[in-house]
Amino acid sequence: MLWQVTEASVHRSDQPSGESPDSTRRVAVLTHMGRPAAVAAATRLVEGLNAAGIVSALPASDLAALDPKLAHAMIPLRRPVTLEDGIELMVVLGGDGTILRGAEWVVASEIPLLGVNLGHVGFLAEAESSEIDTIVAHVVDRSYTVEERFTIDVTLRDCKTLKSEWSSYAINEVSIEKAARERMLEVMVEVDGRPLSRWACDGMLVSTPTGSTAYAFSAGGPVIWPGVDALLVVPLSAHALFARPLVLSPTSTVVVEVLDVSPTHGVVWCDGRRSVELHAGMEIEVTRGKQRLRLARLSQAPFTDRLVHKFGLSVEGSRGSADPAITMIDTPA
């Protein structure tokens, strides 16, 4: 789902959404402060926003990394970010890992996230770091759309008591991986309350469409267009005749149980950032997330063009654009 952001659409009935009570516009900025290129990009971004009268909010630990001359243009950012903080947008400069870290700050709110690529493929990013001036212009003019992305909720529980032991969420995927490299993990997979298959495997992935171009892609899963709401199940190196990736309904419930005969236990990872051990007699339940990640889009380029651009796909002979270096954002008029 796409939402067009305009001067009119950022207002609620009583309080301007994403604006502080004193009407000062605030934009959150998050980056990898250990990389000089990231610090330079963040500095240019803060300078550009400041010139337009917009205050930049950064994590307190990041403030000292930027030029002290910009101190007047920055304020501390608390976690998690809420609408009460007056933040209208979070700009994240970095690779997909940094963008996922930024999502942890805003996913519980309605605040959109704009990713700026400083990594390699950067599938979650909307723009490149060389386009900072154009990005500033889009932010100042609010000339961007907001795309909502599917997330998943993850619950670890005891199989007998069904008592919840741990819970989290994922934007890309939840992975169940074997704890011992030399052992196989024995799991039983259920879909919608019915047993699907028992696998001896290296692990399992349950992915969102957003994550279909991440870990699931490397594991042989299909690419799912972001506009499709679905769950993707991908067995990892399963010793079985039937071990194909499965695309499920967005309302499906997936349960993965570690069996008592498993020679090793598992480790659950959400987006490769949050983890918990999964022992025999325990199970992971994965369902559609209650929250949706809101991503800011600077252009209306179709997902096909994004695939061509990010993966450098050959489109020679096409009747359409054959340039794999297609510009991903539009310059405001």
C-alpha atoms as a PDB file:
ATOM      1  CA  MET A   1       0.000   0.000   0.000  1.00  0.00           C
ATOM      2  CA  LEU A   2       1.311   3.456  -0.947  1.00  0.00           C
ATOM      3  CA  TRP A   3       0.514   6.748   0.719  1.00  0.00           C
ATOM      4  CA  GLN A   4       1.327  10.065  -0.946  1.00  0.00           C
ATOM      5  CA  VAL A   5       2.900  12.497   1.528  1.00  0.00           C
ATOM      6  CA  THR A   6       1.964  16.117   0.938  1.00  0.00           C
ATOM      7  CA  GLU A   7       1.672  19.240   3.053  1.00  0.00           C
ATOM      8  CA  ALA A   8      -2.015  18.459   3.557  1.00  0.00           C
ATOM      9  CA  SER A   9      -1.633  14.772   4.352  1.00  0.00           C
ATOM     10  CA  VAL A  10       0.791  15.184   7.248  1.00  0.00           C
ATOM     11  CA  HIS A  11      -1.896  16.750   9.465  1.00  0.00           C
ATOM     12  CA  ARG A  12      -4.254  14.947  11.800  1.00  0.00           C
ATOM     13  CA  SER A  13      -7.519  16.333  13.089  1.00  0.00           C
ATOM     14  CA  ASP A  14      -6.045  18.037  16.135  1.00  0.00           C
ATOM     15  CA  GLN A  15      -2.249  17.716  16.122  1.00  0.00           C
ATOM     16  CA  PRO A  16       0.129  17.878  13.117  1.00  0.00           C
ATOM     17  CA  SER A  17       1.397  14.326  12.651  1.00  0.00           C
ATOM     18  CA  GLY A  18       5.175  14.093  12.762  1.00  0.00           C
ATOM     19  CA  GLU A  19       5.630  17.694  13.912  1.00  0.00           C
ATOM     20  CA  SER A  20       6.704  18.846  17.340  1.00  0.00           C
ATOM     21  CA  PRO A  21       4.323  20.956  19.446  1.00  0.00           C
ATOM     22  CA  ASP A  22       6.412  24.074  18.702  1.00  0.00           C
ATOM     23  CA  SER A  23       5.961  23.441  14.933  1.00  0.00           C
ATOM     24  CA  THR A  24       9.703  22.882  14.423  1.00  0.00           C
ATOM     25  CA  ARG A  25      10.150  20.103  11.891  1.00  0.00           C
ATOM     26  CA  ARG A  26      12.296  17.218  13.117  1.00  0.00           C
ATOM     27  CA  VAL A  27      13.879  14.398  11.138  1.00  0.00           C
ATOM     28  CA  ALA A  28      15.682  11.487  12.793  1.00  0.00           C
ATOM     29  CA  VAL A  29      19.091  10.553  11.364  1.00  0.00           C
ATOM     30  CA  LEU A  30      20.759   7.200  12.011  1.00  0.00           C
ATOM     31  CA  THR A  31      23.999   5.921  10.511  1.00  0.00           C
ATOM     32  CA  HIS A  32      27.055   3.748  11.104  1.00  0.00           C
ATOM     33  CA  MET A  33      29.283   6.201  12.951  1.00  0.00           C
ATOM     34  CA  GLY A  34      32.272   3.868  12.674  1.00  0.00           C
ATOM     35  CA  ARG A  35      32.546   4.514   8.930  1.00  0.00           C
ATOM     36  CA  PRO A  36      34.045   7.830   7.736  1.00  0.00           C
ATOM     37  CA  ALA A  37      31.876   7.778   4.601  1.00  0.00           C
ATOM     38  CA  ALA A  38      28.768   7.409   6.759  1.00  0.00           C
ATOM     39  CA  VAL A  39      29.793  10.297   9.016  1.00  0.00           C
ATOM     40  CA  ALA A  40      30.454  12.491   5.964  1.00  0.00           C
ATOM     41  CA  ALA A  41      27.048  11.635   4.467  1.00  0.00           C
ATOM     42  CA  ALA A  42      25.282  12.280   7.779  1.00  0.00           C
ATOM     43  CA  THR A  43      27.072  15.637   8.116  1.00  0.00           C
ATOM     44  CA  ARG A  44      25.958  16.713   4.647  1.00  0.00           C
ATOM     45  CA  LEU A  45      22.408  15.607   5.390  1.00  0.00           C
ATOM     46  CA  VAL A  46      22.245  17.491   8.711  1.00  0.00           C
ATOM     47  CA  GLU A  47      23.699  20.607   7.048  1.00  0.00           C
ATOM     48  CA  GLY A  48      21.102  20.453   4.275  1.00  0.00           C
ATOM     49  CA  LEU A  49      18.203  19.956   6.678  1.00  0.00           C
ATOM     50  CA  ASN A  50      19.468  22.734   8.928  1.00  0.00           C
ATOM     51  CA  ALA A  51      19.582  25.153   5.992  1.00  0.00           C
ATOM     52  CA  ALA A  52      15.860  24.465   5.518  1.00  0.00           C
ATOM     53  CA  GLY A  53      15.093  25.007   9.206  1.00  0.00           C
ATOM     54  CA  ILE A  54      14.685  21.311  10.021  1.00  0.00           C
ATOM     55  CA  VAL A  55      16.229  19.940  13.224  1.00  0.00           C
ATOM     56  CA  SER A  56      18.025  16.577  13.051  1.00  0.00           C
ATOM     57  CA  ALA A  57      17.509  14.097  15.899  1.00  0.00           C
ATOM     58  CA  LEU A  58      20.357  11.619  16.452  1.00  0.00           C
ATOM     59  CA  PRO A  59      21.084   8.991  19.118  1.00  0.00           C
ATOM     60  CA  ALA A  60      22.946  10.668  21.968  1.00  0.00           C
ATOM     61  CA  SER A  61      25.996   8.479  21.339  1.00  0.00           C
ATOM     62  CA  ASP A  62      26.195   9.735  17.730  1.00  0.00           C
ATOM     63  CA  LEU A  63      26.036  13.472  18.409  1.00  0.00           C
ATOM     64  CA  ALA A  64      29.710  13.766  19.316  1.00  0.00           C
ATOM     65  CA  ALA A  65      30.813  12.144  16.043  1.00  0.00           C
ATOM     66  CA  LEU A  66      29.606  15.095  13.980  1.00  0.00           C
ATOM     67  CA  ASP A  67      31.158  18.550  13.690  1.00  0.00           C
ATOM     68  CA  PRO A  68      30.539  20.537  16.906  1.00  0.00           C
ATOM     69  CA  LYS A  69      29.591  23.475  14.675  1.00  0.00           C
ATOM     70  CA  LEU A  70      26.365  21.568  13.928  1.00  0.00           C
ATOM     71  CA  ALA A  71      25.423  21.189  17.607  1.00  0.00           C
ATOM     72  CA  HIS A  72      22.692  23.824  17.278  1.00  0.00           C
ATOM     73  CA  ALA A  73      21.089  21.825  14.447  1.00  0.00           C
ATOM     74  CA  MET A  74      20.826  18.541  16.373  1.00  0.00           C
ATOM     75  CA  ILE A  75      18.938  17.110  19.357  1.00  0.00           C
ATOM     76  CA  PRO A  76      19.171  13.716  21.133  1.00  0.00           C
ATOM     77  CA  LEU A  77      16.921  10.943  19.854  1.00  0.00           C
ATOM     78  CA  ARG A  78      15.353   8.508  22.285  1.00  0.00           C
ATOM     79  CA  ARG A  79      14.435   4.891  21.586  1.00  0.00           C
ATOM     80  CA  PRO A  80      11.849   3.845  20.601  1.00  0.00           C
ATOM     81  CA  VAL A  81      10.768   6.856  18.587  1.00  0.00           C
ATOM     82  CA  THR A  82       7.113   7.846  19.079  1.00  0.00           C
ATOM     83  CA  LEU A  83       4.843  10.396  17.444  1.00  0.00           C
ATOM     84  CA  GLU A  84       5.062  12.425  20.649  1.00  0.00           C
ATOM     85  CA  ASP A  85       8.732  13.076  19.826  1.00  0.00           C
ATOM     86  CA  GLY A  86       7.646  15.165  16.851  1.00  0.00           C
ATOM     87  CA  ILE A  87       9.693  13.130  14.344  1.00  0.00           C
ATOM     88  CA  GLU A  88       8.184  13.113  10.862  1.00  0.00           C
ATOM     89  CA  LEU A  89      10.703  10.789   9.180  1.00  0.00           C
ATOM     90  CA  MET A  90      13.810   8.714   9.958  1.00  0.00           C
ATOM     91  CA  VAL A  91      16.651   8.768   7.428  1.00  0.00           C
ATOM     92  CA  VAL A  92      19.059   5.825   7.783  1.00  0.00           C
ATOM     93  CA  LEU A  93      22.434   5.903   6.045  1.00  0.00           C
ATOM     94  CA  GLY A  94      24.111   2.532   5.689  1.00  0.00           C
ATOM     95  CA  GLY A  95      23.665  -0.994   4.401  1.00  0.00           C
ATOM     96  CA  ASP A  96      20.633  -3.199   4.971  1.00  0.00           C
ATOM     97  CA  GLY A  97      21.921  -4.104   8.462  1.00  0.00           C
ATOM     98  CA  THR A  98      21.937  -0.465   9.525  1.00  0.00           C
ATOM     99  CA  ILE A  99      18.518   0.063   7.959  1.00  0.00           C
ATOM    100  CA  LEU A 100      17.149  -2.904   9.934  1.00  0.00           C
ATOM    101  CA  ARG A 101      18.628  -1.331  13.070  1.00  0.00           C
ATOM    102  CA  GLY A 102      16.821   1.885  12.227  1.00  0.00           C
ATOM    103  CA  ALA A 103      13.578  -0.031  11.784  1.00  0.00           C
ATOM    104  CA  GLU A 104      13.859  -1.172  15.408  1.00  0.00           C
ATOM    105  CA  TRP A 105      13.568   2.481  16.431  1.00  0.00           C
ATOM    106  CA  VAL A 106      10.402   3.269  14.446  1.00  0.00           C
ATOM    107  CA  VAL A 107       8.497   0.060  13.589  1.00  0.00           C
ATOM    108  CA  ALA A 108       6.192   0.419  16.612  1.00  0.00           C
ATOM    109  CA  SER A 109       5.177   3.907  15.498  1.00  0.00           C
ATOM    110  CA  GLU A 110       3.699   5.330  12.318  1.00  0.00           C
ATOM    111  CA  ILE A 111       6.951   7.110  11.444  1.00  0.00           C
ATOM    112  CA  PRO A 112       8.295   6.187   7.979  1.00  0.00           C
ATOM    113  CA  LEU A 113      11.902   5.213   7.314  1.00  0.00           C
ATOM    114  CA  LEU A 114      14.013   6.331   4.348  1.00  0.00           C
ATOM    115  CA  GLY A 115      17.050   4.173   3.609  1.00  0.00           C
ATOM    116  CA  VAL A 116      20.146   5.631   1.957  1.00  0.00           C
ATOM    117  CA  ASN A 117      22.578   3.002   0.701  1.00  0.00           C
ATOM    118  CA  LEU A 118      26.180   3.016   1.933  1.00  0.00           C
ATOM    119  CA  GLY A 119      26.598  -0.742   1.572  1.00  0.00           C
ATOM    120  CA  HIS A 120      26.642  -3.073  -1.414  1.00  0.00           C
ATOM    121  CA  VAL A 121      23.280  -4.259  -2.773  1.00  0.00           C
ATOM    122  CA  GLY A 122      21.229  -2.310  -0.224  1.00  0.00           C
ATOM    123  CA  PHE A 123      17.815  -3.692  -1.186  1.00  0.00           C
ATOM    124  CA  LEU A 124      16.013  -1.803   1.580  1.00  0.00           C
ATOM    125  CA  ALA A 125      17.580   1.486   0.530  1.00  0.00           C
ATOM    126  CA  GLU A 126      15.669   3.965  -1.587  1.00  0.00           C
ATOM    127  CA  ALA A 127      18.618   6.147  -2.651  1.00  0.00           C
ATOM    128  CA  GLU A 128      22.408   6.262  -2.821  1.00  0.00           C
ATOM    129  CA  SER A 129      24.694   8.351  -0.611  1.00  0.00           C
ATOM    130  CA  SER A 130      25.772  10.380  -3.653  1.00  0.00           C
ATOM    131  CA  GLU A 131      22.239  11.783  -3.842  1.00  0.00           C
ATOM    132  CA  ILE A 132      22.161  13.552  -0.450  1.00  0.00           C
ATOM    133  CA  ASP A 133      21.230  16.947  -1.908  1.00  0.00           C
ATOM    134  CA  THR A 134      18.312  15.438  -3.815  1.00  0.00           C
ATOM    135  CA  ILE A 135      17.226  13.521  -0.721  1.00  0.00           C
ATOM    136  CA  VAL A 136      17.229  16.738   1.313  1.00  0.00           C
ATOM    137  CA  ALA A 137      15.047  18.395  -1.327  1.00  0.00           C
ATOM    138  CA  HIS A 138      12.519  15.547  -1.156  1.00  0.00           C
ATOM    139  CA  VAL A 139      12.421  15.670   2.649  1.00  0.00           C
ATOM    140  CA  VAL A 140      12.039  19.444   2.740  1.00  0.00           C
ATOM    141  CA  ASP A 141       9.210  19.367   0.180  1.00  0.00           C
ATOM    142  CA  ARG A 142       7.688  16.196   1.636  1.00  0.00           C
ATOM    143  CA  SER A 143       7.652  14.892  -1.923  1.00  0.00           C
ATOM    144  CA  TYR A 144       7.721  11.191  -1.140  1.00  0.00           C
ATOM    145  CA  THR A 145       5.252   8.357  -0.813  1.00  0.00           C
ATOM    146  CA  VAL A 146       5.022   5.870   2.044  1.00  0.00           C
ATOM    147  CA  GLU A 147       4.888   2.152   1.330  1.00  0.00           C
ATOM    148  CA  GLU A 148       3.713  -0.278   4.015  1.00  0.00           C
ATOM    149  CA  ARG A 149       5.597  -3.556   4.315  1.00  0.00           C
ATOM    150  CA  PHE A 150       4.478  -6.874   5.798  1.00  0.00           C
ATOM    151  CA  THR A 151       6.180  -7.974   9.052  1.00  0.00           C
ATOM    152  CA  ILE A 152       6.006 -11.168  11.108  1.00  0.00           C
ATOM    153  CA  ASP A 153       5.553 -11.833  14.822  1.00  0.00           C
ATOM    154  CA  VAL A 154       7.555 -14.614  16.472  1.00  0.00           C
ATOM    155  CA  THR A 155       6.707 -16.449  19.715  1.00  0.00           C
ATOM    156  CA  LEU A 156       8.804 -19.101  21.478  1.00  0.00           C
ATOM    157  CA  ARG A 157       6.794 -21.396  23.737  1.00  0.00           C
ATOM    158  CA  ASP A 158       6.790 -24.698  25.593  1.00  0.00           C
ATOM    159  CA  CYS A 159       5.092 -27.387  23.502  1.00  0.00           C
ATOM    160  CA  LYS A 160       3.209 -28.910  26.462  1.00  0.00           C
ATOM    161  CA  THR A 161       2.114 -25.866  28.421  1.00  0.00           C
ATOM    162  CA  LEU A 162       2.012 -23.498  25.411  1.00  0.00           C
ATOM    163  CA  LYS A 163       3.443 -20.885  27.776  1.00  0.00           C
ATOM    164  CA  SER A 164       5.185 -18.063  25.929  1.00  0.00           C
ATOM    165  CA  GLU A 165       8.888 -17.867  26.810  1.00  0.00           C
ATOM    166  CA  TRP A 166      10.051 -15.157  24.366  1.00  0.00           C
ATOM    167  CA  SER A 167       8.637 -13.032  21.592  1.00  0.00           C
ATOM    168  CA  SER A 168       9.935 -10.696  18.911  1.00  0.00           C
ATOM    169  CA  TYR A 169       9.243  -9.592  15.362  1.00  0.00           C
ATOM    170  CA  ALA A 170      11.034  -9.658  12.026  1.00  0.00           C
ATOM    171  CA  ILE A 171      11.069  -7.432   8.980  1.00  0.00           C
ATOM    172  CA  ASN A 172      13.106  -9.759   6.756  1.00  0.00           C
ATOM    173  CA  GLU A 173      12.924 -13.219   8.266  1.00  0.00           C
ATOM    174  CA  VAL A 174      13.051 -15.465  11.301  1.00  0.00           C
ATOM    175  CA  SER A 175      15.639 -18.220  10.944  1.00  0.00           C
ATOM    176  CA  ILE A 176      15.854 -21.415  12.985  1.00  0.00           C
ATOM    177  CA  GLU A 177      19.431 -22.655  12.734  1.00  0.00           C
ATOM    178  CA  LYS A 178      21.283 -25.638  14.175  1.00  0.00           C
ATOM    179  CA  ALA A 179      23.509 -24.861  17.145  1.00  0.00           C
ATOM    180  CA  ALA A 180      26.148 -27.487  16.298  1.00  0.00           C
ATOM    181  CA  ARG A 181      27.773 -27.242  12.880  1.00  0.00           C
ATOM    182  CA  GLU A 182      28.406 -31.001  12.580  1.00  0.00           C
ATOM    183  CA  ARG A 183      24.841 -32.018  13.539  1.00  0.00           C
ATOM    184  CA  MET A 184      21.469 -31.913  11.815  1.00  0.00           C
ATOM    185  CA  LEU A 185      18.440 -30.296  13.360  1.00  0.00           C
ATOM    186  CA  GLU A 186      15.317 -32.490  13.509  1.00  0.00           C
ATOM    187  CA  VAL A 187      12.185 -30.366  13.206  1.00  0.00           C
ATOM    188  CA  MET A 188       8.467 -30.841  12.629  1.00  0.00           C
ATOM    189  CA  VAL A 189       6.748 -28.090  10.650  1.00  0.00           C
ATOM    190  CA  GLU A 190       3.040 -27.344  10.968  1.00  0.00           C
ATOM    191  CA  VAL A 191       0.962 -24.969   8.856  1.00  0.00           C
ATOM    192  CA  ASP A 192      -2.426 -23.776  10.093  1.00  0.00           C
ATOM    193  CA  GLY A 193      -2.576 -26.408  12.817  1.00  0.00           C
ATOM    194  CA  ARG A 194      -1.808 -29.349  10.531  1.00  0.00           C
ATOM    195  CA  PRO A 195       1.533 -31.205  10.248  1.00  0.00           C
ATOM    196  CA  LEU A 196       3.314 -30.504   6.969  1.00  0.00           C
ATOM    197  CA  SER A 197       6.612 -32.364   7.126  1.00  0.00           C
ATOM    198  CA  ARG A 198       9.428 -33.561   9.348  1.00  0.00           C
ATOM    199  CA  TRP A 199      12.861 -32.504   8.222  1.00  0.00           C
ATOM    200  CA  ALA A 200      16.443 -33.227   9.209  1.00  0.00           C
ATOM    201  CA  CYS A 201      18.056 -29.997   8.092  1.00  0.00           C
ATOM    202  CA  ASP A 202      20.472 -27.169   8.763  1.00  0.00           C
ATOM    203  CA  GLY A 203      17.525 -25.019   9.696  1.00  0.00           C
ATOM    204  CA  MET A 204      14.385 -23.236   8.520  1.00  0.00           C
ATOM    205  CA  LEU A 205      13.472 -19.764   7.336  1.00  0.00           C
ATOM    206  CA  VAL A 206      10.122 -18.034   7.527  1.00  0.00           C
ATOM    207  CA  SER A 207      10.417 -14.853   5.507  1.00  0.00           C
ATOM    208  CA  THR A 208       8.397 -11.818   4.518  1.00  0.00           C
ATOM    209  CA  PRO A 209       8.261 -10.585   0.904  1.00  0.00           C
ATOM    210  CA  THR A 210      10.806  -7.927   1.936  1.00  0.00           C
ATOM    211  CA  GLY A 211      13.123 -10.696   3.153  1.00  0.00           C
ATOM    212  CA  SER A 212      12.710 -12.725  -0.031  1.00  0.00           C
ATOM    213  CA  THR A 213      15.703 -10.831  -1.487  1.00  0.00           C
ATOM    214  CA  ALA A 214      17.811 -11.406   1.646  1.00  0.00           C
ATOM    215  CA  TYR A 215      18.648 -14.710   3.417  1.00  0.00           C
ATOM    216  CA  ALA A 216      15.780 -16.549   1.695  1.00  0.00           C
ATOM    217  CA  PHE A 217      17.145 -15.538  -1.710  1.00  0.00           C
ATOM    218  CA  SER A 218      20.571 -17.033  -0.926  1.00  0.00           C
ATOM    219  CA  ALA A 219      18.828 -20.214   0.276  1.00  0.00           C
ATOM    220  CA  GLY A 220      17.090 -20.680  -3.080  1.00  0.00           C
ATOM    221  CA  GLY A 221      13.739 -19.100  -2.295  1.00  0.00           C
ATOM    222  CA  PRO A 222      11.682 -17.127  -4.838  1.00  0.00           C
ATOM    223  CA  VAL A 223      11.641 -13.337  -5.090  1.00  0.00           C
ATOM    224  CA  ILE A 224       8.256 -12.030  -3.929  1.00  0.00           C
ATOM    225  CA  TRP A 225       7.107  -8.592  -5.022  1.00  0.00           C
ATOM    226  CA  PRO A 226       6.680  -6.197  -2.047  1.00  0.00           C
ATOM    227  CA  GLY A 227       3.011  -5.639  -2.896  1.00  0.00           C
ATOM    228  CA  VAL A 228       2.232  -9.297  -2.178  1.00  0.00           C
ATOM    229  CA  ASP A 229       1.299 -10.158   1.396  1.00  0.00           C
ATOM    230  CA  ALA A 230       2.573 -13.685   2.017  1.00  0.00           C
ATOM    231  CA  LEU A 231       4.721 -15.879   4.226  1.00  0.00           C
ATOM    232  CA  LEU A 232       7.660 -17.698   2.642  1.00  0.00           C
ATOM    233  CA  VAL A 233       8.924 -20.961   4.188  1.00  0.00           C
ATOM    234  CA  VAL A 234      12.371 -22.148   3.089  1.00  0.00           C
ATOM    235  CA  PRO A 235      14.027 -25.342   4.438  1.00  0.00           C
ATOM    236  CA  LEU A 236      17.815 -25.058   4.717  1.00  0.00           C
ATOM    237  CA  SER A 237      19.680 -28.052   3.250  1.00  0.00           C
ATOM    238  CA  ALA A 238      16.944 -30.507   4.249  1.00  0.00           C
ATOM    239  CA  HIS A 239      17.579 -34.233   3.767  1.00  0.00           C
ATOM    240  CA  ALA A 240      14.226 -34.998   2.154  1.00  0.00           C
ATOM    241  CA  LEU A 241      12.647 -35.565  -1.256  1.00  0.00           C
ATOM    242  CA  PHE A 242      10.140 -32.797  -0.577  1.00  0.00           C
ATOM    243  CA  ALA A 243      11.950 -29.711   0.685  1.00  0.00           C
ATOM    244  CA  ARG A 244      10.814 -26.952  -1.639  1.00  0.00           C
ATOM    245  CA  PRO A 245      10.266 -23.306  -0.694  1.00  0.00           C
ATOM    246  CA  LEU A 246       6.574 -22.682   0.062  1.00  0.00           C
ATOM    247  CA  VAL A 247       4.582 -19.472  -0.379  1.00  0.00           C
ATOM    248  CA  LEU A 248       1.742 -19.332   2.143  1.00  0.00           C
ATOM    249  CA  SER A 249      -1.260 -17.151   2.789  1.00  0.00           C
ATOM    250  CA  PRO A 250      -0.551 -14.028   4.886  1.00  0.00           C
ATOM    251  CA  THR A 251      -3.069 -15.341   7.436  1.00  0.00           C
ATOM    252  CA  SER A 252      -1.280 -18.684   7.843  1.00  0.00           C
ATOM    253  CA  THR A 253       0.345 -19.755  11.088  1.00  0.00           C
ATOM    254  CA  VAL A 254       3.662 -21.605  10.885  1.00  0.00           C
ATOM    255  CA  VAL A 255       4.919 -23.657  13.842  1.00  0.00           C
ATOM    256  CA  VAL A 256       8.399 -25.206  13.932  1.00  0.00           C
ATOM    257  CA  GLU A 257       9.112 -27.698  16.739  1.00  0.00           C
ATOM    258  CA  VAL A 258      12.506 -29.153  17.646  1.00  0.00           C
ATOM    259  CA  LEU A 259      11.925 -32.887  18.163  1.00  0.00           C
ATOM    260  CA  ASP A 260      13.237 -34.831  21.154  1.00  0.00           C
ATOM    261  CA  VAL A 261      15.371 -37.015  18.833  1.00  0.00           C
ATOM    262  CA  SER A 262      17.211 -33.979  17.454  1.00  0.00           C
ATOM    263  CA  PRO A 263      20.986 -34.396  18.006  1.00  0.00           C
ATOM    264  CA  THR A 264      21.340 -30.661  18.573  1.00  0.00           C
ATOM    265  CA  HIS A 265      19.223 -27.722  19.630  1.00  0.00           C
ATOM    266  CA  GLY A 266      18.431 -24.681  17.553  1.00  0.00           C
ATOM    267  CA  VAL A 267      19.024 -20.949  17.670  1.00  0.00           C
ATOM    268  CA  VAL A 268      16.303 -18.548  16.563  1.00  0.00           C
ATOM    269  CA  TRP A 269      17.345 -15.293  14.908  1.00  0.00           C
ATOM    270  CA  CYS A 270      15.046 -12.432  13.975  1.00  0.00           C
ATOM    271  CA  ASP A 271      16.595 -10.380  11.154  1.00  0.00           C
ATOM    272  CA  GLY A 272      19.988 -11.655  12.337  1.00  0.00           C
ATOM    273  CA  ARG A 273      19.772  -9.199  15.242  1.00  0.00           C
ATOM    274  CA  ARG A 274      17.722 -10.744  18.069  1.00  0.00           C
ATOM    275  CA  SER A 275      18.186 -14.359  19.124  1.00  0.00           C
ATOM    276  CA  VAL A 276      17.107 -17.065  21.567  1.00  0.00           C
ATOM    277  CA  GLU A 277      17.906 -20.771  21.947  1.00  0.00           C
ATOM    278  CA  LEU A 278      15.308 -23.324  20.836  1.00  0.00           C
ATOM    279  CA  HIS A 279      15.589 -26.647  22.678  1.00  0.00           C
ATOM    280  CA  ALA A 280      13.745 -29.948  22.270  1.00  0.00           C
ATOM    281  CA  GLY A 281      10.190 -29.678  23.551  1.00  0.00           C
ATOM    282  CA  MET A 282       9.960 -26.056  22.438  1.00  0.00           C
ATOM    283  CA  GLU A 283       8.435 -24.528  19.340  1.00  0.00           C
ATOM    284  CA  ILE A 284       8.415 -21.289  17.413  1.00  0.00           C
ATOM    285  CA  GLU A 285       5.154 -19.854  16.133  1.00  0.00           C
ATOM    286  CA  VAL A 286       5.264 -17.362  13.260  1.00  0.00           C
ATOM    287  CA  THR A 287       2.273 -15.238  12.238  1.00  0.00           C
ATOM    288  CA  ARG A 288       1.578 -12.036  10.348  1.00  0.00           C
ATOM    289  CA  GLY A 289       2.876  -9.062  12.319  1.00  0.00           C
ATOM    290  CA  LYS A 290       0.522  -6.691  14.096  1.00  0.00           C
ATOM    291  CA  GLN A 291       2.661  -3.784  12.887  1.00  0.00           C
ATOM    292  CA  ARG A 292       3.770  -2.818   9.405  1.00  0.00           C
ATOM    293  CA  LEU A 293       7.035  -1.169   8.482  1.00  0.00           C
ATOM    294  CA  ARG A 294       6.515   2.118   6.641  1.00  0.00           C
ATOM    295  CA  LEU A 295       9.179   2.845   4.020  1.00  0.00           C
ATOM    296  CA  ALA A 296       9.509   6.233   2.327  1.00  0.00           C
ATOM    297  CA  ARG A 297       9.740   6.038  -1.466  1.00  0.00           C
ATOM    298  CA  LEU A 298      11.238   8.835  -3.546  1.00  0.00           C
ATOM    299  CA  SER A 299      10.143   7.534  -6.931  1.00  0.00           C
ATOM    300  CA  GLN A 300       7.465   5.415  -8.526  1.00  0.00           C
ATOM    301  CA  ALA A 301       9.969   3.118 -10.257  1.00  0.00           C
ATOM    302  CA  PRO A 302       8.464  -0.409 -10.393  1.00  0.00           C
ATOM    303  CA  PHE A 303      10.019  -3.265  -8.446  1.00  0.00           C
ATOM    304  CA  THR A 304      11.195  -4.823 -11.718  1.00  0.00           C
ATOM    305  CA  ASP A 305      13.507  -1.854 -12.266  1.00  0.00           C
ATOM    306  CA  ARG A 306      14.806  -2.218  -8.712  1.00  0.00           C
ATOM    307  CA  LEU A 307      15.714  -5.858  -9.361  1.00  0.00           C
ATOM    308  CA  VAL A 308      17.493  -4.932 -12.590  1.00  0.00           C
ATOM    309  CA  HIS A 309      19.385  -2.110 -10.857  1.00  0.00           C
ATOM    310  CA  LYS A 310      20.374  -3.950  -7.674  1.00  0.00           C
ATOM    311  CA  PHE A 311      21.409  -7.222  -9.324  1.00  0.00           C
ATOM    312  CA  GLY A 312      22.781  -5.722 -12.545  1.00  0.00           C
ATOM    313  CA  LEU A 313      20.506  -7.934 -14.641  1.00  0.00           C
ATOM    314  CA  SER A 314      20.992  -8.021 -18.399  1.00  0.00           C
ATOM    315  CA  VAL A 315      18.018  -6.501 -20.239  1.00  0.00           C
ATOM    316  CA  GLU A 316      19.649  -5.916 -23.614  1.00  0.00           C
ATOM    317  CA  GLY A 317      17.150  -6.249 -26.440  1.00  0.00           C
ATOM    318  CA  SER A 318      14.260  -5.110 -24.269  1.00  0.00           C
ATOM    319  CA  ARG A 319      11.735  -2.675 -25.744  1.00  0.00           C
ATOM    320  CA  GLY A 320      11.872  -0.747 -22.469  1.00  0.00           C
ATOM    321  CA  SER A 321      14.804   0.784 -20.614  1.00  0.00           C
ATOM    322  CA  ALA A 322      17.905  -1.350 -21.067  1.00  0.00           C
ATOM    323  CA  ASP A 323      20.043   0.666 -18.678  1.00  0.00           C
ATOM    324  CA  PRO A 324      20.797  -1.360 -15.512  1.00  0.00           C
ATOM    325  CA  ALA A 325      22.018   1.839 -13.828  1.00  0.00           C
ATOM    326  CA  ILE A 326      18.524   3.304 -13.903  1.00  0.00           C
ATOM    327  CA  THR A 327      18.052   6.275 -11.597  1.00  0.00           C
ATOM    328  CA  MET A 328      16.099   5.139  -8.561  1.00  0.00           C
ATOM    329  CA  ILE A 329      14.842   8.552  -7.431  1.00  0.00           C
ATOM    330  CA  ASP A 330      13.290  11.498  -9.164  1.00  0.00           C
ATOM    331  CA  THR A 331      14.637  15.018  -8.837  1.00  0.00           C
ATOM    332  CA  PRO A 332      11.955  17.387  -7.523  1.00  0.00           C
ATOM    333  CA  ALA A 333      10.849  20.077  -9.936  1.00  0.00           C
END
